[in-house]
C-alpha cells in the first residue's frame, strides 16, 4: 500500500510554512526513493500545531506538529511513515486535547479529506442531506431547517428557516441564493476554513437552499483577500457541476440549480447584506434602506436568501440527521454548534466547534490556555472589531446570543480576540471609532460623522482636555450611532467603545504628568 501523507494546503497553514514543509517532504521522498501520495488537505483548525503533518498508518492516522522543514529528515529517520515516535509526534489527531473536546458537526470533514475529492466527501457522509432534500417538498425542507433552530451564523442570529420561508412564499420568475463569504471581522477564519478545507459542504448547503425556496441560481461573494478560497471554490464548483450536483437536474431530480463565485473589492461594509447586493449588481457598496427586505426584493429586485457560509454549511447535517438531532445541541434559543475562532494574545489559537453554552472563561482559559505571553488576561473582544470588550468579571457569561446581549455584548461571527494586561483600552476604543470612520460607506450621518467626531473626542480624553466632559460626549455620540445608523457598522461601533469605558474606566484617566526635575 502506498503511504499517504497529509499536509494542509489552506492559507492558514501556508502562512505558517506548510508549503516549505511539503517541498521538503517531496525532496526527502525522492532522495530515499520512496513512493508516497501527498494529500493537501485543509487544516483541522489547531493552528498552534500547524504545519501539522499526518500519515495514514495501519493503525490509523498519526499526526506530527508543528513541523519545520528542518524536521523532515529526522522524521523519516524516525520512521514517521509508520507512525514512529519523534519530538514532533502528536499521536492520533482525534486524541489531541484541543480537537478531542470539540463537537464537530459543520466541520466534521475539515482537515480530514482532499477538499476537491467528491468521492472522499461522499465517503464521509457528504450529499446525504441533499439526497434527502430532493425527495422532499420545499415546504418540508424549510420546516425541518426552521425546527432545527438554526440561526444566522454571520452575526445577526436571525432564524434561517424564517428567511427561507419568506423567499419560498414570495412569487417571482427568478429567485437567488447569495452566500455572504465577505469574512471581514478580526479573529474570524471559519468561513475561509470551510471554503478551503471542505468546499462541497457549502455547495451542498446552497443547493438545498435553492431546492427549498425555488431559487435556481446562487452566488458566493468572497472577499478579495481570500485568493486561496476563491480558487478552491471555483474548482469545487466545476467538480460539482460535472458530477451533476449542480445543473439542470440536481442529482437526477427535476430541480435546477447552478452557482458562481464572485470576488468583492475589499470593503468591510459589504459584509452587510444590502451593501453586498449592491456590490454584486456592480454598484457602489452602500447600505440600502429596509424595507423592502432582501427576501422579498433582493438581488436584481428578486426574492433572495442571503446567508453566511457557516449557516449554509450547517444545513447538510440538519437534512441528513434531522432537526431534532441538531436542536439537541446548545442552550435556550441558541441551538446547534458554533465554530468559535480563538485568536489574539492566546496560547492555543484556532477554531473550536462546540455546542452553545460554554462560558467565556472556559473558552479563554481552558481551551485557549490563557495568554501567549503568560501575563493575566485583561480583556476579551467577542464578535470582531464591533464586539464588546469583556473583563474577567464577565467570564461566567455562557456563549449564547441572548446571554451576550444581556451583558451588552454580541457573539457576531464568533471570533474571540484575547488581550493581556498591557492593553490600553482607551486606544482600543479609539481604534473602534477610527475603524468605523475608515470603513463607513458614507450613506448615513450617524456613522459617517459620528465616528470621525468620536476619534477626535477620544483624542481629547487622551490629552487630558476636560476628560469627564469628553466622556459624556462620547457616550452621547455612541447612543446616536447605535440607534440612528442604517446598518450594524455604525450601530455596533458603540459596543467596543462603551464596554471599554464601562469596564476599564481607569484607562480613560489622563496619564500623570511627571514632576519637573529640580
Protein backbone atom coordinates (compact mmCIF):
# COMPACT_ATOMS: atom_id res chain seq x y z
CA UNK A 1 0.00 0.00 0.00
CA UNK A 2 1.35 3.43 -0.97
CA UNK A 3 1.79 5.66 2.12
CA UNK A 4 -0.47 8.71 2.27
CA UNK A 5 0.94 11.88 3.79
CA UNK A 6 -1.46 14.72 4.65
CA UNK A 7 -0.03 18.25 4.57
CA UNK A 8 -2.54 21.13 4.90
CA UNK A 9 -2.77 23.46 1.92
CA UNK A 10 -5.17 26.03 3.35
CA UNK A 11 -3.96 29.62 3.68
CA UNK A 12 -3.64 29.47 7.48
CA UNK A 13 -1.23 26.53 7.32
CA UNK A 14 0.54 28.04 4.30
CA UNK A 15 1.18 31.22 6.28
CA UNK A 16 2.89 29.07 8.91
CA UNK A 17 5.19 27.34 6.42
CA UNK A 18 3.22 24.34 5.12
CA UNK A 19 4.42 24.79 1.53
CA UNK A 20 8.07 24.66 2.60
CA UNK A 21 7.35 21.51 4.60
CA UNK A 22 5.60 19.89 1.61
CA UNK A 23 8.58 20.74 -0.61
CA UNK A 24 10.98 19.23 1.94
CA UNK A 25 8.86 16.06 2.20
CA UNK A 26 8.80 15.65 -1.60
CA UNK A 27 12.57 16.10 -1.76
CA UNK A 28 13.14 13.55 1.02
CA UNK A 29 10.84 11.03 -0.66
CA UNK A 30 12.75 11.45 -3.93
CA UNK A 31 16.14 11.17 -2.24
CA UNK A 32 15.14 7.96 -0.43
CA UNK A 33 13.34 6.52 -3.44
CA UNK A 34 10.08 6.15 -1.55
CA UNK A 35 6.77 6.22 -3.41
CA UNK A 36 4.06 8.03 -1.43
CA UNK A 37 0.97 10.16 -2.08
CA UNK A 38 0.88 13.64 -0.61
CA UNK A 39 -2.66 14.88 0.05
CA UNK A 40 -3.10 18.63 0.53
CA UNK A 41 -5.99 18.63 2.98
CA UNK A 42 -7.43 21.60 4.82
CA UNK A 43 -6.38 22.46 8.35
CA UNK A 44 -8.17 20.89 11.30
CA UNK A 45 -8.04 24.32 12.92
CA UNK A 46 -5.44 23.74 15.64
CA UNK A 47 -3.25 26.47 14.21
CA UNK A 48 -0.83 26.43 17.14
CA UNK A 49 0.22 22.98 15.83
CA UNK A 50 0.48 23.96 12.16
CA UNK A 51 2.01 22.89 9.91
CA UNK A 52 0.58 19.59 11.18
CA UNK A 53 1.59 16.63 9.04
CA UNK A 54 -0.41 13.42 9.24
CA UNK A 55 0.38 9.94 7.99
CA UNK A 56 -2.16 7.18 7.32
CA UNK A 57 -0.82 4.02 9.02
CA UNK A 58 -2.21 0.52 9.53
CA UNK A 59 -3.41 1.63 12.98
CA UNK A 60 -4.94 4.90 11.78
CA UNK A 61 -3.68 8.41 11.21
CA UNK A 62 -0.76 9.77 13.22
CA UNK A 63 -0.04 13.49 13.47
CA UNK A 64 3.20 15.44 13.87
CA UNK A 65 3.48 19.13 14.52
CA UNK A 66 4.32 21.88 14.33
CA UNK A 67 6.69 20.57 11.66
CA UNK A 68 9.54 22.67 10.29
CA UNK A 69 11.40 21.88 7.06
CA UNK A 70 14.46 21.14 9.22
CA UNK A 71 12.46 18.37 10.97
CA UNK A 72 11.68 16.41 7.81
CA UNK A 73 14.91 14.37 7.55
CA UNK A 74 14.75 13.28 11.19
CA UNK A 75 11.05 12.44 10.77
CA UNK A 76 11.93 9.96 8.04
CA UNK A 77 14.81 8.63 10.13
CA UNK A 78 12.32 8.04 12.96
CA UNK A 79 10.01 6.01 10.70
CA UNK A 80 7.18 8.52 10.64
CA UNK A 81 5.61 6.81 7.61
CA UNK A 82 4.58 4.03 10.00
CA UNK A 83 3.80 6.34 12.96
CA UNK A 84 7.26 6.28 14.56
CA UNK A 85 7.98 8.46 17.58
CA UNK A 86 9.67 11.82 17.10
CA UNK A 87 9.87 15.07 19.08
CA UNK A 88 7.01 16.37 16.88
CA UNK A 89 4.85 13.25 17.44
CA UNK A 90 1.26 14.10 18.49
CA UNK A 91 -0.41 10.70 18.13
CA UNK A 92 -3.91 10.20 16.74
CA UNK A 93 -5.32 13.59 15.67
CA UNK A 94 -8.70 12.86 17.27
CA UNK A 95 -6.95 12.41 20.64
CA UNK A 96 -5.23 15.80 20.62
CA UNK A 97 -6.99 17.59 23.54
CA UNK A 98 -7.88 20.70 21.52
CA UNK A 99 -9.63 18.52 18.91
CA UNK A 100 -10.95 15.80 21.22
CA UNK A 101 -13.02 18.29 23.26
CA UNK A 102 -14.91 19.55 20.21
CA UNK A 103 -18.35 18.68 18.86
CA UNK A 104 -17.77 18.76 15.12
CA UNK A 105 -20.92 18.85 13.02
CA UNK A 106 -20.31 21.59 10.45
CA UNK A 107 -16.55 20.95 10.45
CA UNK A 108 -16.81 17.14 10.63
CA UNK A 109 -14.72 16.65 7.47
CA UNK A 110 -12.49 19.73 7.61
CA UNK A 111 -8.83 18.72 7.69
CA UNK A 112 -9.54 15.06 7.03
CA UNK A 113 -10.04 14.64 3.30
CA UNK A 114 -8.87 16.05 -0.01
CA UNK A 115 -11.09 19.15 -0.37
CA UNK A 116 -11.58 18.60 -4.10
CA UNK A 117 -12.39 14.88 -3.98
CA UNK A 118 -16.14 14.43 -4.25
CA UNK A 119 -15.69 10.70 -3.65
CA UNK A 120 -13.90 11.43 -0.36
CA UNK A 121 -16.67 13.86 0.55
CA UNK A 122 -19.36 11.24 -0.09
CA UNK A 123 -17.43 8.55 1.79
CA UNK A 124 -17.59 10.78 4.88
CA UNK A 125 -21.36 11.32 4.67
CA UNK A 126 -21.47 14.13 2.13
CA UNK A 127 -24.52 14.65 -0.13
CA UNK A 128 -26.84 12.64 2.16
CA UNK A 129 -28.64 15.84 3.17
CA UNK A 130 -29.14 16.89 -0.46
CA UNK A 131 -30.34 13.41 -1.42
CA UNK A 132 -32.99 13.68 1.28
CA UNK A 133 -33.89 17.22 0.24
CA UNK A 134 -34.55 16.49 -3.44
CA UNK A 135 -37.07 13.84 -2.37
CA UNK A 136 -38.99 16.29 -0.17
CA UNK A 137 -41.46 19.10 -0.80
CA UNK A 138 -39.85 22.55 -0.49
CA UNK A 139 -42.10 23.49 2.44
CA UNK A 140 -40.98 20.37 4.32
CA UNK A 141 -37.31 21.28 3.87
CA UNK A 142 -37.99 24.77 5.20
CA UNK A 143 -39.91 23.28 8.12
CA UNK A 144 -37.01 21.00 9.03
CA UNK A 145 -34.50 23.86 8.93
CA UNK A 146 -36.87 26.02 11.00
CA UNK A 147 -37.41 23.31 13.62
CA UNK A 148 -33.66 22.75 13.94
CA UNK A 149 -33.36 26.21 15.49
CA UNK A 150 -30.54 27.20 13.11
CA UNK A 151 -29.85 30.94 13.29
CA UNK A 152 -27.64 33.10 11.11
CA UNK A 153 -24.01 32.45 11.96
CA UNK A 154 -22.86 35.66 10.31
CA UNK A 155 -23.60 37.74 13.38
CA UNK A 156 -27.24 38.79 13.43
CA UNK A 157 -28.56 35.43 14.66
CA UNK A 158 -31.77 35.69 12.61
CA UNK A 159 -33.66 32.36 12.29
CA UNK A 160 -32.62 30.78 8.99
CA UNK A 161 -35.92 28.98 8.44
CA UNK A 162 -37.96 32.20 8.64
CA UNK A 163 -35.78 33.82 5.98
CA UNK A 164 -36.15 30.78 3.71
CA UNK A 165 -39.93 30.65 4.22
CA UNK A 166 -40.27 34.30 3.20
CA UNK A 167 -38.45 33.60 -0.08
CA UNK A 168 -40.43 30.40 -0.67
CA UNK A 169 -43.74 32.19 -0.15
CA UNK A 170 -42.85 35.14 -2.41
CA UNK A 171 -43.89 34.66 -6.02
CA UNK A 172 -41.34 35.64 -8.66
CA UNK A 173 -39.98 34.47 -12.01
CA UNK A 174 -36.46 34.24 -10.57
CA UNK A 175 -35.03 33.73 -7.09
CA UNK A 176 -31.46 33.71 -5.81
CA UNK A 177 -29.29 32.24 -3.06
CA UNK A 178 -26.43 34.51 -2.03
CA UNK A 179 -23.69 33.26 0.25
CA UNK A 180 -22.00 36.00 2.25
CA UNK A 181 -18.33 34.99 2.41
CA UNK A 182 -17.06 38.53 3.00
CA UNK A 183 -15.48 37.44 6.28
CA UNK A 184 -14.08 40.80 7.36
CA UNK A 185 -14.10 40.64 11.17
CA UNK A 186 -10.82 40.42 13.02
CA UNK A 187 -10.14 36.96 14.54
CA UNK A 188 -12.52 35.21 12.14
CA UNK A 189 -11.49 32.46 9.76
CA UNK A 190 -14.26 29.83 9.94
CA UNK A 191 -15.69 30.72 6.52
CA UNK A 192 -12.24 30.55 4.96
CA UNK A 193 -11.54 27.18 6.58
CA UNK A 194 -14.75 25.68 5.16
CA UNK A 195 -14.17 27.05 1.66
CA UNK A 196 -10.56 25.86 1.58
CA UNK A 197 -10.98 22.64 3.56
CA UNK A 198 -14.48 21.33 2.76
CA UNK A 199 -15.99 23.38 -0.09
CA UNK A 200 -18.57 20.75 -1.07
CA UNK A 201 -20.44 21.18 2.22
CA UNK A 202 -21.06 24.83 1.32
CA UNK A 203 -22.12 23.92 -2.20
CA UNK A 204 -24.45 21.25 -0.83
CA UNK A 205 -25.99 23.72 1.62
CA UNK A 206 -26.59 26.27 -1.15
CA UNK A 207 -28.22 23.70 -3.41
CA UNK A 208 -30.51 22.61 -0.57
CA UNK A 209 -31.45 26.27 -0.01
CA UNK A 210 -32.26 26.57 -3.72
CA UNK A 211 -34.42 23.45 -3.75
CA UNK A 212 -36.20 24.63 -0.59
CA UNK A 213 -37.07 28.11 -1.88
CA UNK A 214 -37.39 27.67 -5.64
CA UNK A 215 -34.16 29.54 -6.36
CA UNK A 216 -32.21 28.33 -9.38
CA UNK A 217 -29.05 30.46 -9.18
CA UNK A 218 -26.56 31.05 -6.43
CA UNK A 219 -23.63 33.38 -5.87
CA UNK A 220 -20.80 33.13 -3.35
CA UNK A 221 -19.45 36.59 -2.58
CA UNK A 222 -15.87 36.15 -1.33
CA UNK A 223 -13.59 38.88 -0.04
CA UNK A 224 -10.64 39.67 -2.33
CA UNK A 225 -8.20 38.95 0.50
CA UNK A 226 -9.06 35.24 0.18
CA UNK A 227 -7.41 34.18 -3.12
CA UNK A 228 -6.97 30.57 -1.98
CA UNK A 229 -10.65 30.31 -1.05
CA UNK A 230 -11.67 31.82 -4.40
CA UNK A 231 -9.53 29.32 -6.30
CA UNK A 232 -10.74 26.36 -4.24
CA UNK A 233 -14.42 27.28 -4.59
CA UNK A 234 -14.11 27.76 -8.36
CA UNK A 235 -12.52 24.31 -8.71
CA UNK A 236 -15.11 22.71 -6.41
CA UNK A 237 -18.00 24.24 -8.39
CA UNK A 238 -16.58 22.73 -11.59
CA UNK A 239 -16.27 19.30 -9.95
CA UNK A 240 -19.84 19.54 -8.60
CA UNK A 241 -21.17 20.62 -11.97
CA UNK A 242 -19.53 17.71 -13.80
CA UNK A 243 -20.89 15.28 -11.19
CA UNK A 244 -24.49 16.53 -11.55
CA UNK A 245 -24.63 18.10 -8.10
CA UNK A 246 -25.17 21.39 -9.94
CA UNK A 247 -27.04 21.84 -13.21
CA UNK A 248 -30.49 21.44 -14.73
CA UNK A 249 -31.15 18.14 -12.92
CA UNK A 250 -29.61 18.21 -9.46
CA UNK A 251 -28.69 14.60 -8.55
CA UNK A 252 -31.03 13.45 -11.33
CA UNK A 253 -34.03 15.28 -9.85
CA UNK A 254 -36.28 17.83 -11.63
CA UNK A 255 -34.62 20.61 -9.58
CA UNK A 256 -32.27 23.02 -11.35
CA UNK A 257 -29.57 24.96 -9.52
CA UNK A 258 -26.26 26.45 -10.59
CA UNK A 259 -23.88 28.85 -8.94
CA UNK A 260 -20.85 31.03 -9.49
CA UNK A 261 -18.14 32.71 -7.44
CA UNK A 262 -17.83 36.49 -7.24
CA UNK A 263 -14.96 38.42 -5.64
CA UNK A 264 -15.51 41.56 -3.56
CA UNK A 265 -13.29 44.63 -3.71
CA UNK A 266 -12.29 44.75 -0.05
CA UNK A 267 -14.97 46.93 1.57
CA UNK A 268 -15.79 45.86 5.14
CA UNK A 269 -19.31 47.27 4.83
CA UNK A 270 -20.04 44.77 2.03
CA UNK A 271 -20.40 42.18 4.77
CA UNK A 272 -23.73 43.91 5.40
CA UNK A 273 -26.27 42.14 3.22
CA UNK A 274 -27.71 45.07 1.27
CA UNK A 275 -24.26 46.57 0.58
CA UNK A 276 -23.22 43.12 -0.63
CA UNK A 277 -26.19 43.04 -3.00
CA UNK A 278 -25.28 46.44 -4.44
CA UNK A 279 -21.71 45.24 -4.97
CA UNK A 280 -22.93 42.04 -6.68
CA UNK A 281 -25.02 44.16 -9.03
CA UNK A 282 -21.95 46.20 -9.98
CA UNK A 283 -22.95 49.23 -7.95
CA UNK A 284 -21.15 51.08 -5.18
CA UNK A 285 -21.22 49.09 -1.93
CA UNK A 286 -23.52 51.25 0.14
CA UNK A 287 -26.28 50.24 2.52
CA UNK A 288 -29.88 50.10 1.29
CA UNK A 289 -32.76 51.22 3.43
CA UNK A 290 -35.09 48.43 4.60
CA UNK A 291 -37.88 47.67 3.79
CA UNK A 292 -38.06 46.16 1.26
CA UNK A 293 -36.33 43.14 2.77
CA UNK A 294 -33.89 41.25 0.51
CA UNK A 295 -36.03 38.14 0.97
CA UNK A 296 -38.76 39.97 -0.99
CA UNK A 297 -36.72 42.33 -3.20
CA UNK A 298 -33.06 41.38 -3.11
CA UNK A 299 -30.56 40.73 -5.88
CA UNK A 300 -31.74 42.42 -9.11
CA UNK A 301 -35.04 43.12 -7.32
CA UNK A 302 -35.84 39.40 -6.92
CA UNK A 303 -36.50 37.36 -3.74
CA UNK A 304 -33.12 36.43 -2.31
CA UNK A 305 -31.85 34.26 0.52
CA UNK A 306 -28.67 35.78 1.98
CA UNK A 307 -26.90 33.50 4.43
CA UNK A 308 -23.42 33.33 5.85
CA UNK A 309 -21.04 30.47 4.90
CA UNK A 310 -21.41 28.68 8.24
CA UNK A 311 -25.22 28.97 8.17
CA UNK A 312 -25.37 27.27 4.76
CA UNK A 313 -22.65 24.74 5.62
CA UNK A 314 -24.67 23.70 8.70
CA UNK A 315 -27.74 22.79 6.62
CA UNK A 316 -26.49 19.45 5.18
CA UNK A 317 -26.14 17.85 8.63
CA UNK A 318 -29.64 19.04 9.54
CA UNK A 319 -31.09 17.50 6.38
CA UNK A 320 -29.08 14.31 6.97
CA UNK A 321 -29.55 13.75 10.71
CA UNK A 322 -32.82 15.63 11.21
CA UNK A 323 -33.96 18.75 13.04
CA UNK A 324 -34.22 17.04 16.44
CA UNK A 325 -30.60 15.83 16.23
CA UNK A 326 -29.28 19.35 15.58
CA UNK A 327 -31.56 21.05 18.07
CA UNK A 328 -30.38 18.70 20.82
CA UNK A 329 -27.14 20.71 20.99
CA UNK A 330 -26.99 24.16 22.54
CA UNK A 331 -28.99 26.19 25.05
CA UNK A 332 -32.02 28.49 25.08
CA UNK A 333 -32.73 29.86 21.61
CA UNK A 334 -29.13 29.20 20.52
CA UNK A 335 -29.29 25.70 19.06
CA UNK A 336 -26.68 23.51 17.40
CA UNK A 337 -22.96 24.20 17.36
CA UNK A 338 -20.90 27.32 16.80
CA UNK A 339 -17.35 27.47 15.37
CA UNK A 340 -15.53 29.64 17.90
CA UNK A 341 -12.41 31.24 16.48
CA UNK A 342 -9.82 31.91 19.18
CA UNK A 343 -7.11 34.45 18.33
CA UNK A 344 -5.11 37.38 19.63
CA UNK A 345 -2.71 37.04 22.56
CA UNK A 346 -3.64 33.42 23.27
CA UNK A 347 -1.64 30.24 23.80
CA UNK A 348 -3.77 27.82 21.78
CA UNK A 349 -5.26 29.75 18.87
CA UNK A 350 -7.54 28.08 16.37
CA UNK A 351 -11.06 27.00 15.55
CA UNK A 352 -13.08 25.23 18.24
CA UNK A 353 -16.54 23.95 17.27
CA UNK A 354 -18.79 23.31 20.24
CA UNK A 355 -22.43 23.43 21.26
CA UNK A 356 -23.65 26.81 22.51
CA UNK A 357 -23.39 27.12 26.29
CA UNK A 358 -19.70 27.03 27.22
CA UNK A 359 -18.70 30.01 29.35
CA UNK A 360 -16.33 32.64 28.03
CA UNK A 361 -13.92 31.72 30.82
CA UNK A 362 -13.86 28.07 29.74
CA UNK A 363 -13.12 29.09 26.16
CA UNK A 364 -10.32 31.51 27.06
CA UNK A 365 -8.68 29.71 29.98
CA UNK A 366 -9.30 26.00 29.39
CA UNK A 367 -9.48 25.80 25.59
CA UNK A 368 -7.30 28.79 24.68
CA UNK A 369 -4.85 28.20 27.53
CA UNK A 370 -4.72 31.86 28.59
CA UNK A 371 -2.36 34.36 27.02
CA UNK A 372 0.62 33.52 24.86
CA UNK A 373 2.71 35.98 26.89
CA UNK A 374 1.81 34.29 30.16
CA UNK A 375 0.51 37.57 31.55
CA UNK A 376 -3.00 37.91 33.02
CA UNK A 377 -5.95 38.22 30.62
CA UNK A 378 -7.26 41.77 30.77
CA UNK A 379 -10.00 41.78 28.15
CA UNK A 380 -11.58 39.58 25.52
CA UNK A 381 -13.31 41.05 22.49
CA UNK A 382 -16.04 38.81 21.12
CA UNK A 383 -17.64 39.46 17.74
CA UNK A 384 -14.90 41.15 15.72
CA UNK A 385 -13.98 44.86 15.67
CA UNK A 386 -17.57 45.82 16.54
CA UNK A 387 -17.80 43.43 19.50
CA UNK A 388 -17.74 44.39 23.16
CA UNK A 389 -14.69 44.00 25.42
CA UNK A 390 -15.46 41.67 28.30
CA UNK A 391 -13.41 41.81 31.51
CA UNK A 392 -12.70 38.73 33.64
CA UNK A 393 -15.68 39.67 35.82
CA UNK A 394 -17.94 38.62 32.91
CA UNK A 395 -16.16 35.35 32.09
CA UNK A 396 -19.07 33.38 33.54
CA UNK A 397 -21.22 34.51 30.58
CA UNK A 398 -22.37 31.48 28.54
CA UNK A 399 -21.73 31.55 24.80
CA UNK A 400 -25.32 32.24 23.79
CA UNK A 401 -26.86 35.04 21.72
CA UNK A 402 -29.26 36.21 24.43
CA UNK A 403 -26.76 35.85 27.28
CA UNK A 404 -24.25 38.07 25.50
CA UNK A 405 -26.93 40.61 24.55
CA UNK A 406 -27.94 40.80 28.22
CA UNK A 407 -24.36 41.87 29.06
CA UNK A 408 -24.30 44.49 26.26
CA UNK A 409 -22.23 42.23 24.03
CA UNK A 410 -22.69 40.24 20.86
CA UNK A 411 -21.43 36.91 19.55
CA UNK A 412 -21.27 38.10 15.95
CA UNK A 413 -19.27 35.70 13.80
CA UNK A 414 -17.87 34.08 16.99
CA UNK A 415 -14.37 35.49 16.69
CA UNK A 416 -12.57 35.93 20.01
CA UNK A 417 -9.54 38.22 20.47
CA UNK A 418 -7.64 37.92 23.74
CA UNK A 419 -5.68 40.83 25.30
CA UNK A 420 -3.29 40.71 28.24
CA UNK A 421 -2.87 43.32 30.96
CA UNK A 422 -0.62 45.54 28.83
CA UNK A 423 -3.54 46.52 26.54
CA UNK A 424 -4.59 50.17 26.63
CA UNK A 425 -8.37 50.16 26.38
CA UNK A 426 -8.58 53.87 25.54
CA UNK A 427 -6.51 53.11 22.44
CA UNK A 428 -8.80 50.18 21.66
CA UNK A 429 -11.86 52.44 21.92
CA UNK A 430 -10.19 54.93 19.60
CA UNK A 431 -9.40 52.13 17.15
CA UNK A 432 -13.10 51.16 17.01
CA UNK A 433 -14.12 54.71 16.07
CA UNK A 434 -11.27 55.04 13.58
CA UNK A 435 -12.14 51.68 12.00
CA UNK A 436 -15.75 52.80 11.57
CA UNK A 437 -14.68 56.14 10.07
CA UNK A 438 -12.42 54.41 7.53
CA UNK A 439 -14.88 51.65 6.60
CA UNK A 440 -18.12 53.68 6.60
CA UNK A 441 -19.92 53.68 3.25
CA UNK A 442 -20.97 57.26 3.97
CA UNK A 443 -24.69 56.67 3.45
CA UNK A 444 -25.85 57.80 6.89
CA UNK A 445 -24.74 60.72 9.05
CA UNK A 446 -24.51 58.98 12.47
CA UNK A 447 -21.93 56.52 11.14
CA UNK A 448 -20.05 58.82 8.76
CA UNK A 449 -19.79 61.87 11.02
CA UNK A 450 -20.24 60.27 14.43
CA UNK A 451 -17.22 58.02 14.07
CA UNK A 452 -14.98 60.91 12.97
CA UNK A 453 -16.11 63.06 15.90
CA UNK A 454 -15.60 60.01 18.12
CA UNK A 455 -11.90 59.77 17.19
CA UNK A 456 -11.43 63.48 17.88
CA UNK A 457 -13.19 63.30 21.22
CA UNK A 458 -11.23 60.25 22.43
CA UNK A 459 -8.01 62.02 21.43
CA UNK A 460 -9.03 64.88 23.73
CA UNK A 461 -9.56 62.40 26.58
CA UNK A 462 -6.05 61.02 25.97
CA UNK A 463 -4.69 64.57 26.03
CA UNK A 464 -6.42 65.28 29.36
CA UNK A 465 -8.65 68.01 27.93
CA UNK A 466 -11.77 68.11 30.14
CA UNK A 467 -11.93 64.28 30.26
CA UNK A 468 -15.29 63.96 32.04
CA UNK A 469 -16.92 66.33 29.56
CA UNK A 470 -15.43 64.37 26.64
CA UNK A 471 -16.56 61.03 28.12
CA UNK A 472 -20.11 62.39 28.34
CA UNK A 473 -19.84 63.48 24.70
CA UNK A 474 -18.55 60.06 23.59
CA UNK A 475 -21.45 58.41 25.43
CA UNK A 476 -23.93 60.68 23.65
CA UNK A 477 -22.26 60.02 20.28
CA UNK A 478 -22.47 56.27 20.85
CA UNK A 479 -26.15 56.50 21.71
CA UNK A 480 -26.82 58.41 18.46
CA UNK A 481 -24.78 55.96 16.39
CA UNK A 482 -26.39 52.90 17.98
CA UNK A 483 -29.95 53.96 17.31
CA UNK A 484 -29.54 56.21 14.27
CA UNK A 485 -27.25 54.26 11.93
CA UNK A 486 -28.65 52.45 8.90
CA UNK A 487 -26.64 49.28 9.46
CA UNK A 488 -24.58 47.40 12.03
CA UNK A 489 -21.29 49.15 11.18
CA UNK A 490 -22.35 52.40 12.81
CA UNK A 491 -24.89 50.68 15.05
CA UNK A 492 -22.41 48.27 16.66
CA UNK A 493 -19.32 50.50 16.90
CA UNK A 494 -20.61 51.74 20.31
CA UNK A 495 -20.22 48.20 21.72
CA UNK A 496 -16.41 48.20 21.88
CA UNK A 497 -16.28 51.89 22.83
CA UNK A 498 -18.80 51.77 25.66
CA UNK A 499 -17.60 48.42 27.00
CA UNK A 500 -14.06 49.80 27.18
CA UNK A 501 -15.40 52.86 29.00
CA UNK A 502 -17.62 50.93 31.39
CA UNK A 503 -15.29 48.06 32.29
CA UNK A 504 -11.88 49.72 32.04
CA UNK A 505 -12.54 53.28 33.20
CA UNK A 506 -9.07 53.55 34.72
CA UNK A 507 -7.58 53.55 31.19
CA UNK A 508 -9.50 56.73 30.39
CA UNK A 509 -7.83 58.79 33.11
CA UNK A 510 -5.16 61.24 31.96
CA UNK A 511 -1.64 59.93 32.42
CA UNK A 512 0.06 61.57 35.42
CA UNK A 513 2.40 64.37 34.43
CA UNK A 514 5.97 63.65 35.51
CA UNK A 515 7.31 66.16 38.02
CA UNK A 516 9.81 68.57 36.60
CA UNK A 517 13.41 67.85 37.56
CA UNK A 518 14.65 70.13 40.31
